[in-house]
Each structure stands twice: as structure tokens, then as C-alpha cells.
Amino acid sequence: MESCLAVIGRHLRQFLAEPANPSQSPPRTAWEWRERFPGLQHLLAAYFHQDSSLEYSSYGEALDDYVSGASESDLRQLADEIREFLILNESDQLLKKSAVTLGLAILPPRGVRLRQWLTDVRGIALQGTAPRGGSGWGV
């Protein structure tokens, strides 16, 4: 038992002395995507799933519901995750595939590209408020 603790202790000291930088390469599996972007996964899967239009009359209403129940740290985490997510997914095709992997089941509002929509959602998370009112599924 003591030898196991000694090995663990040595590894912990080494890690704390030289922490590893997070990987800049995209996750490979759905599990890795969800683990790396838990806040974004929650938002997309819980608020923008295939039946979202039955619960919300607009993207703005869905975002308002999310924002009203999220803490400041959750919103900050979401904004950070969206920033990293957009950087990792350089092409629009990869961005769409990755967003679907995280649970996005509906397209952004008509005429709005997914990258722009996520950028707008990030801005809303940073402000801590979603736009109120509005018609349709626009942000």
C-alpha cells in the first residue's frame, strides 16, 4: 500500500511541477467531445434538440431559459468553450459535424451561418442575458 502511495505521490509532484498543456487537436470520439465541452454540450442537447420548437417559440426564448438558470461561472465556461470550439473547427463542415456530435439537432436561424450563431450565443453568455421577444427562431 505504501509503495502505491509513493508512486502516486511522485507522479503528482511531477505533474504539479510541469503541468501539461491541454491538447490543441480536436477530440476524436463523441465521448471526447462531450468531456471537453460539457457546457456547450448541455446547451445544445438540452435546448436545441429536435423537439425544441415544441418547447420554445424562438432561439431567443430557448437561450433566455438557459441563461436565466445558469450561474455566472456556467456562462463564463460556456463562452470559453464556444471560443475554443470555434477555433478547433476551422471549416464550416467540421463545425457542423462537431455541433451535431454535441447534440445540436436543429439548424441555426435561416440566413445565419452556424459559426455566426455560435459567436452570437457566446456574446449572449458573456452579457449574461438573452434577447427578449422577437419572432421566429432568430437570436
N, C-alpha and C. Protein backbone atom coordinates (compact mmCIF):
# COMPACT_ATOMS: atom_id res chain seq x y z
N MET A 1 0.82 -1.19 0.00
CA MET A 1 0.00 0.00 0.00
C MET A 1 0.87 1.25 0.00
N GLU A 2 1.88 1.28 0.86
CA GLU A 2 2.75 2.45 0.93
C GLU A 2 3.51 2.66 -0.37
N SER A 3 3.89 1.55 -1.03
CA SER A 3 4.62 1.69 -2.30
C SER A 3 3.73 2.30 -3.38
N CYS A 4 2.45 1.95 -3.36
CA CYS A 4 1.50 2.54 -4.32
C CYS A 4 1.35 4.04 -4.08
N LEU A 5 1.23 4.42 -2.82
CA LEU A 5 1.11 5.84 -2.49
C LEU A 5 2.38 6.60 -2.87
N ALA A 6 3.53 5.99 -2.71
CA ALA A 6 4.79 6.64 -3.09
C ALA A 6 4.84 6.89 -4.59
N VAL A 7 4.39 5.93 -5.38
CA VAL A 7 4.37 6.08 -6.83
C VAL A 7 3.40 7.19 -7.22
N ILE A 8 2.22 7.18 -6.63
CA ILE A 8 1.23 8.23 -6.92
C ILE A 8 1.77 9.59 -6.52
N GLY A 9 2.37 9.67 -5.36
CA GLY A 9 2.94 10.93 -4.88
C GLY A 9 3.99 11.47 -5.83
N ARG A 10 4.85 10.60 -6.35
CA ARG A 10 5.89 11.02 -7.29
C ARG A 10 5.25 11.58 -8.57
N HIS A 11 4.23 10.90 -9.06
CA HIS A 11 3.54 11.37 -10.27
C HIS A 11 2.85 12.71 -10.03
N LEU A 12 2.23 12.86 -8.88
CA LEU A 12 1.57 14.13 -8.57
C LEU A 12 2.58 15.28 -8.47
N ARG A 13 3.71 15.05 -7.82
CA ARG A 13 4.73 16.09 -7.71
C ARG A 13 5.25 16.48 -9.09
N GLN A 14 5.46 15.49 -9.95
CA GLN A 14 5.95 15.77 -11.30
C GLN A 14 4.91 16.57 -12.09
N PHE A 15 3.65 16.19 -11.98
CA PHE A 15 2.59 16.89 -12.70
C PHE A 15 2.48 18.34 -12.22
N LEU A 16 2.52 18.54 -10.91
CA LEU A 16 2.39 19.89 -10.37
C LEU A 16 3.60 20.76 -10.73
N ALA A 17 4.76 20.16 -10.87
CA ALA A 17 5.95 20.90 -11.25
C ALA A 17 5.93 21.28 -12.73
N GLU A 18 5.35 20.42 -13.57
CA GLU A 18 5.30 20.65 -15.02
C GLU A 18 3.93 20.25 -15.56
N PRO A 19 2.90 21.08 -15.30
CA PRO A 19 1.56 20.70 -15.79
C PRO A 19 1.52 20.64 -17.31
N ALA A 20 0.81 19.68 -17.82
CA ALA A 20 0.69 19.51 -19.27
C ALA A 20 -0.28 20.54 -19.83
N ASN A 21 0.02 21.03 -21.01
CA ASN A 21 -0.90 21.94 -21.69
C ASN A 21 -2.02 21.13 -22.32
N PRO A 22 -3.25 21.67 -22.32
CA PRO A 22 -4.34 20.93 -22.97
C PRO A 22 -4.05 20.76 -24.46
N SER A 23 -4.53 19.68 -24.99
CA SER A 23 -4.31 19.36 -26.40
C SER A 23 -4.98 20.40 -27.29
N GLN A 24 -4.28 20.79 -28.34
CA GLN A 24 -4.84 21.72 -29.32
C GLN A 24 -5.45 20.99 -30.50
N SER A 25 -5.43 19.66 -30.46
CA SER A 25 -6.04 18.90 -31.53
C SER A 25 -7.48 18.58 -31.17
N PRO A 26 -8.34 18.50 -32.17
CA PRO A 26 -9.75 18.22 -31.90
C PRO A 26 -9.94 16.83 -31.30
N PRO A 27 -10.96 16.68 -30.47
CA PRO A 27 -11.30 15.35 -29.95
C PRO A 27 -11.64 14.43 -31.12
N ARG A 28 -11.50 13.13 -30.89
CA ARG A 28 -11.75 12.16 -31.97
C ARG A 28 -13.08 11.44 -31.81
N THR A 29 -13.52 11.23 -30.59
CA THR A 29 -14.75 10.47 -30.37
C THR A 29 -15.83 11.37 -29.79
N ALA A 30 -17.07 10.92 -29.87
CA ALA A 30 -18.17 11.69 -29.28
C ALA A 30 -17.96 11.89 -27.79
N TRP A 31 -17.46 10.86 -27.12
CA TRP A 31 -17.20 10.97 -25.69
C TRP A 31 -16.17 12.06 -25.41
N GLU A 32 -15.10 12.13 -26.21
CA GLU A 32 -14.08 13.15 -26.02
C GLU A 32 -14.64 14.55 -26.25
N TRP A 33 -15.51 14.69 -27.25
CA TRP A 33 -16.15 15.99 -27.49
C TRP A 33 -16.98 16.40 -26.28
N ARG A 34 -17.78 15.49 -25.75
CA ARG A 34 -18.63 15.82 -24.60
C ARG A 34 -17.81 16.13 -23.36
N GLU A 35 -16.72 15.41 -23.15
CA GLU A 35 -15.85 15.65 -21.99
C GLU A 35 -15.14 17.00 -22.09
N ARG A 36 -14.76 17.38 -23.29
CA ARG A 36 -14.01 18.63 -23.48
C ARG A 36 -14.91 19.85 -23.48
N PHE A 37 -16.16 19.69 -23.88
CA PHE A 37 -17.10 20.81 -24.00
C PHE A 37 -18.41 20.52 -23.27
N PRO A 38 -18.37 20.27 -21.96
CA PRO A 38 -19.60 19.88 -21.25
C PRO A 38 -20.66 20.97 -21.21
N GLY A 39 -20.26 22.21 -21.09
CA GLY A 39 -21.24 23.30 -21.05
C GLY A 39 -21.94 23.48 -22.38
N LEU A 40 -21.17 23.46 -23.46
CA LEU A 40 -21.75 23.60 -24.80
C LEU A 40 -22.61 22.39 -25.13
N GLN A 41 -22.16 21.22 -24.75
CA GLN A 41 -22.95 20.01 -24.98
C GLN A 41 -24.29 20.11 -24.27
N HIS A 42 -24.28 20.59 -23.03
CA HIS A 42 -25.54 20.74 -22.28
C HIS A 42 -26.47 21.72 -22.99
N LEU A 43 -25.94 22.87 -23.38
CA LEU A 43 -26.78 23.87 -24.06
C LEU A 43 -27.38 23.30 -25.34
N LEU A 44 -26.55 22.73 -26.19
CA LEU A 44 -27.04 22.25 -27.49
C LEU A 44 -28.01 21.08 -27.34
N ALA A 45 -27.68 20.12 -26.50
CA ALA A 45 -28.52 18.93 -26.37
C ALA A 45 -29.81 19.20 -25.60
N ALA A 46 -29.76 20.09 -24.63
CA ALA A 46 -30.94 20.32 -23.79
C ALA A 46 -31.85 21.42 -24.31
N TYR A 47 -31.32 22.36 -25.09
CA TYR A 47 -32.13 23.50 -25.52
C TYR A 47 -32.33 23.58 -27.03
N PHE A 48 -31.54 22.85 -27.81
CA PHE A 48 -31.64 22.90 -29.26
C PHE A 48 -31.70 21.50 -29.86
N HIS A 49 -32.52 20.68 -29.24
CA HIS A 49 -32.74 19.31 -29.70
C HIS A 49 -33.86 19.29 -30.74
N GLN A 50 -34.18 18.13 -31.24
CA GLN A 50 -35.15 18.02 -32.35
C GLN A 50 -36.55 18.50 -31.99
N ASP A 51 -36.92 18.51 -30.71
CA ASP A 51 -38.26 18.95 -30.31
C ASP A 51 -38.26 20.35 -29.70
N SER A 52 -37.20 21.11 -29.88
CA SER A 52 -37.09 22.44 -29.29
C SER A 52 -38.24 23.36 -29.67
N SER A 53 -38.68 23.25 -30.92
CA SER A 53 -39.75 24.14 -31.37
C SER A 53 -41.08 23.86 -30.67
N LEU A 54 -41.19 22.70 -30.03
CA LEU A 54 -42.40 22.41 -29.25
C LEU A 54 -42.35 23.08 -27.88
N GLU A 55 -41.14 23.36 -27.40
CA GLU A 55 -40.96 23.96 -26.08
C GLU A 55 -40.77 25.47 -26.15
N TYR A 56 -40.14 25.95 -27.22
CA TYR A 56 -39.79 27.36 -27.33
C TYR A 56 -40.27 27.91 -28.67
N SER A 57 -40.66 29.18 -28.67
CA SER A 57 -41.13 29.80 -29.91
C SER A 57 -39.99 30.41 -30.71
N SER A 58 -38.80 30.53 -30.10
CA SER A 58 -37.66 31.11 -30.81
C SER A 58 -36.36 30.64 -30.18
N TYR A 59 -35.28 30.82 -30.92
CA TYR A 59 -33.96 30.56 -30.36
C TYR A 59 -33.73 31.47 -29.15
N GLY A 60 -34.17 32.71 -29.28
CA GLY A 60 -34.01 33.67 -28.19
C GLY A 60 -34.69 33.21 -26.91
N GLU A 61 -35.89 32.65 -27.04
CA GLU A 61 -36.60 32.15 -25.87
C GLU A 61 -35.86 30.97 -25.23
N ALA A 62 -35.34 30.09 -26.05
CA ALA A 62 -34.56 28.95 -25.53
C ALA A 62 -33.30 29.44 -24.82
N LEU A 63 -32.61 30.40 -25.44
CA LEU A 63 -31.41 30.97 -24.80
C LEU A 63 -31.74 31.69 -23.51
N ASP A 64 -32.85 32.42 -23.49
CA ASP A 64 -33.27 33.11 -22.28
C ASP A 64 -33.53 32.12 -21.16
N ASP A 65 -34.16 30.99 -21.49
CA ASP A 65 -34.40 29.95 -20.50
C ASP A 65 -33.08 29.41 -19.95
N TYR A 66 -32.13 29.15 -20.84
CA TYR A 66 -30.81 28.67 -20.41
C TYR A 66 -30.12 29.70 -19.52
N VAL A 67 -30.04 30.92 -20.00
CA VAL A 67 -29.32 31.99 -19.28
C VAL A 67 -29.95 32.25 -17.91
N SER A 68 -31.26 32.21 -17.83
CA SER A 68 -31.93 32.50 -16.56
C SER A 68 -31.63 31.46 -15.49
N GLY A 69 -31.27 30.26 -15.90
CA GLY A 69 -30.97 29.21 -14.93
C GLY A 69 -29.49 28.94 -14.74
N ALA A 70 -28.64 29.66 -15.49
CA ALA A 70 -27.20 29.41 -15.43
C ALA A 70 -26.52 30.39 -14.48
N SER A 71 -25.49 29.89 -13.81
CA SER A 71 -24.70 30.76 -12.93
C SER A 71 -23.72 31.56 -13.78
N GLU A 72 -23.12 32.59 -13.18
CA GLU A 72 -22.12 33.37 -13.90
C GLU A 72 -20.95 32.50 -14.34
N SER A 73 -20.55 31.58 -13.49
CA SER A 73 -19.41 30.72 -13.85
C SER A 73 -19.80 29.77 -14.99
N ASP A 74 -21.06 29.30 -15.02
CA ASP A 74 -21.52 28.46 -16.13
C ASP A 74 -21.50 29.24 -17.44
N LEU A 75 -21.94 30.49 -17.38
CA LEU A 75 -21.97 31.31 -18.59
C LEU A 75 -20.55 31.62 -19.07
N ARG A 76 -19.65 31.88 -18.14
CA ARG A 76 -18.25 32.13 -18.49
C ARG A 76 -17.64 30.87 -19.12
N GLN A 77 -17.94 29.72 -18.52
CA GLN A 77 -17.44 28.46 -19.06
C GLN A 77 -17.98 28.23 -20.47
N LEU A 78 -19.27 28.48 -20.67
CA LEU A 78 -19.86 28.31 -21.99
C LEU A 78 -19.17 29.21 -23.01
N ALA A 79 -18.95 30.46 -22.66
CA ALA A 79 -18.30 31.40 -23.57
C ALA A 79 -16.89 30.91 -23.92
N ASP A 80 -16.15 30.44 -22.92
CA ASP A 80 -14.80 29.92 -23.17
C ASP A 80 -14.84 28.68 -24.06
N GLU A 81 -15.81 27.80 -23.80
CA GLU A 81 -15.93 26.58 -24.60
C GLU A 81 -16.28 26.90 -26.05
N ILE A 82 -17.19 27.85 -26.26
CA ILE A 82 -17.56 28.22 -27.63
C ILE A 82 -16.36 28.79 -28.36
N ARG A 83 -15.59 29.63 -27.69
CA ARG A 83 -14.38 30.20 -28.30
C ARG A 83 -13.45 29.08 -28.75
N GLU A 84 -13.15 28.14 -27.87
CA GLU A 84 -12.26 27.04 -28.20
C GLU A 84 -12.86 26.15 -29.29
N PHE A 85 -14.16 25.90 -29.21
CA PHE A 85 -14.87 25.07 -30.19
C PHE A 85 -14.75 25.67 -31.59
N LEU A 86 -14.92 26.98 -31.69
CA LEU A 86 -14.82 27.64 -32.99
C LEU A 86 -13.40 27.60 -33.53
N ILE A 87 -12.42 27.71 -32.66
CA ILE A 87 -11.02 27.65 -33.09
C ILE A 87 -10.67 26.25 -33.59
N LEU A 88 -11.10 25.23 -32.87
CA LEU A 88 -10.80 23.85 -33.25
C LEU A 88 -11.45 23.43 -34.56
N ASN A 89 -12.61 23.98 -34.84
CA ASN A 89 -13.38 23.60 -36.02
C ASN A 89 -13.23 24.69 -37.09
N GLU A 90 -12.15 24.59 -37.85
CA GLU A 90 -11.83 25.64 -38.81
C GLU A 90 -12.79 25.68 -40.00
N SER A 91 -13.22 24.55 -40.48
CA SER A 91 -14.14 24.53 -41.62
C SER A 91 -15.58 24.49 -41.13
N ASP A 92 -16.47 25.02 -41.97
CA ASP A 92 -17.89 25.01 -41.62
C ASP A 92 -18.44 23.58 -41.58
N GLN A 93 -17.92 22.72 -42.44
CA GLN A 93 -18.36 21.33 -42.46
C GLN A 93 -17.99 20.62 -41.17
N LEU A 94 -16.77 20.81 -40.71
CA LEU A 94 -16.32 20.20 -39.46
C LEU A 94 -17.08 20.80 -38.28
N LEU A 95 -17.34 22.10 -38.33
CA LEU A 95 -18.08 22.77 -37.25
C LEU A 95 -19.48 22.17 -37.11
N LYS A 96 -20.15 21.96 -38.23
CA LYS A 96 -21.50 21.39 -38.18
C LYS A 96 -21.46 19.96 -37.63
N LYS A 97 -20.52 19.16 -38.12
CA LYS A 97 -20.40 17.78 -37.65
C LYS A 97 -20.14 17.75 -36.14
N SER A 98 -19.26 18.60 -35.67
CA SER A 98 -18.92 18.64 -34.24
C SER A 98 -20.10 19.12 -33.40
N ALA A 99 -20.84 20.11 -33.90
CA ALA A 99 -22.01 20.60 -33.16
C ALA A 99 -23.08 19.52 -33.07
N VAL A 100 -23.28 18.78 -34.14
CA VAL A 100 -24.24 17.67 -34.11
C VAL A 100 -23.78 16.61 -33.12
N THR A 101 -22.49 16.35 -33.07
CA THR A 101 -21.94 15.40 -32.11
C THR A 101 -22.25 15.82 -30.68
N LEU A 102 -22.26 17.13 -30.43
CA LEU A 102 -22.57 17.64 -29.08
C LEU A 102 -24.06 17.72 -28.80
N GLY A 103 -24.91 17.47 -29.80
CA GLY A 103 -26.34 17.42 -29.54
C GLY A 103 -27.19 18.42 -30.29
N LEU A 104 -26.59 19.29 -31.10
CA LEU A 104 -27.37 20.24 -31.88
C LEU A 104 -28.17 19.48 -32.92
N ALA A 105 -29.49 19.57 -32.85
CA ALA A 105 -30.34 18.80 -33.75
C ALA A 105 -31.14 19.69 -34.70
N ILE A 106 -31.02 21.00 -34.56
CA ILE A 106 -31.74 21.91 -35.45
C ILE A 106 -30.75 22.90 -36.04
N LEU A 107 -31.04 23.37 -37.22
CA LEU A 107 -30.17 24.33 -37.88
C LEU A 107 -30.34 25.70 -37.25
N PRO A 108 -29.32 26.54 -37.38
CA PRO A 108 -29.46 27.93 -36.89
C PRO A 108 -30.57 28.63 -37.67
N PRO A 109 -30.94 29.81 -37.23
CA PRO A 109 -31.99 30.54 -37.94
C PRO A 109 -31.66 30.69 -39.42
N ARG A 110 -32.68 30.75 -40.25
CA ARG A 110 -32.49 30.87 -41.70
C ARG A 110 -31.63 32.11 -42.00
N GLY A 111 -30.64 31.91 -42.84
CA GLY A 111 -29.76 33.00 -43.25
C GLY A 111 -28.61 33.27 -42.29
N VAL A 112 -28.52 32.51 -41.21
CA VAL A 112 -27.43 32.70 -40.25
C VAL A 112 -26.55 31.45 -40.28
N ARG A 113 -25.28 31.65 -40.51
CA ARG A 113 -24.34 30.52 -40.51
C ARG A 113 -24.11 30.05 -39.09
N LEU A 114 -23.81 28.78 -38.94
CA LEU A 114 -23.61 28.19 -37.62
C LEU A 114 -22.50 28.91 -36.86
N ARG A 115 -21.42 29.25 -37.52
CA ARG A 115 -20.30 29.94 -36.86
C ARG A 115 -20.76 31.28 -36.29
N GLN A 116 -21.54 32.02 -37.07
CA GLN A 116 -22.03 33.31 -36.60
C GLN A 116 -23.02 33.13 -35.45
N TRP A 117 -23.87 32.14 -35.56
CA TRP A 117 -24.84 31.88 -34.50
C TRP A 117 -24.14 31.55 -33.19
N LEU A 118 -23.13 30.68 -33.25
CA LEU A 118 -22.39 30.34 -32.03
C LEU A 118 -21.65 31.55 -31.48
N THR A 119 -21.13 32.39 -32.37
CA THR A 119 -20.48 33.63 -31.92
C THR A 119 -21.49 34.52 -31.20
N ASP A 120 -22.70 34.60 -31.74
CA ASP A 120 -23.77 35.39 -31.08
C ASP A 120 -24.13 34.79 -29.73
N VAL A 121 -24.24 33.47 -29.66
CA VAL A 121 -24.55 32.79 -28.39
C VAL A 121 -23.45 33.08 -27.38
N ARG A 122 -22.20 33.07 -27.82
CA ARG A 122 -21.08 33.39 -26.93
C ARG A 122 -21.23 34.81 -26.37
N GLY A 123 -21.59 35.75 -27.23
CA GLY A 123 -21.81 37.13 -26.78
C GLY A 123 -22.92 37.22 -25.75
N ILE A 124 -23.97 36.46 -25.96
CA ILE A 124 -25.09 36.43 -25.01
C ILE A 124 -24.61 35.87 -23.68
N ALA A 125 -23.82 34.81 -23.73
CA ALA A 125 -23.30 34.21 -22.49
C ALA A 125 -22.41 35.21 -21.75
N LEU A 126 -21.62 35.97 -22.47
CA LEU A 126 -20.74 36.95 -21.84
C LEU A 126 -21.54 38.10 -21.22
N GLN A 127 -22.65 38.47 -21.86
CA GLN A 127 -23.52 39.53 -21.33
C GLN A 127 -24.38 39.02 -20.18
N GLY A 128 -24.66 37.73 -20.19
CA GLY A 128 -25.50 37.15 -19.15
C GLY A 128 -26.98 37.34 -19.36
N THR A 129 -27.35 37.81 -20.55
CA THR A 129 -28.77 37.96 -20.86
C THR A 129 -29.02 37.61 -22.32
N ALA A 130 -30.12 36.97 -22.56
CA ALA A 130 -30.52 36.66 -23.93
C ALA A 130 -31.50 37.73 -24.39
N PRO A 131 -31.55 38.00 -25.69
CA PRO A 131 -32.51 38.98 -26.20
C PRO A 131 -33.94 38.52 -25.95
N ARG A 132 -34.77 39.40 -25.57
CA ARG A 132 -36.17 39.07 -25.29
C ARG A 132 -37.03 39.37 -26.49
N GLY A 133 -38.09 38.61 -26.59
CA GLY A 133 -39.07 38.87 -27.65
C GLY A 133 -38.54 38.43 -29.00
N GLY A 134 -39.06 39.06 -30.03
CA GLY A 134 -38.66 38.69 -31.38
C GLY A 134 -39.49 37.53 -31.89
N SER A 135 -39.56 37.45 -33.17
CA SER A 135 -40.36 36.38 -33.74
C SER A 135 -39.48 35.33 -34.38
N GLY A 136 -40.01 34.19 -34.59
CA GLY A 136 -39.29 33.12 -35.26
C GLY A 136 -38.18 32.52 -34.41
N TRP A 137 -37.28 31.85 -35.10
CA TRP A 137 -36.19 31.17 -34.40
C TRP A 137 -34.90 31.97 -34.44
N GLY A 138 -34.95 33.24 -34.74
CA GLY A 138 -33.74 34.07 -34.76
C GLY A 138 -33.25 34.39 -33.37
N VAL A 139 -31.94 34.68 -33.25
CA VAL A 139 -31.35 35.01 -31.95
C VAL A 139 -31.76 36.38 -31.54
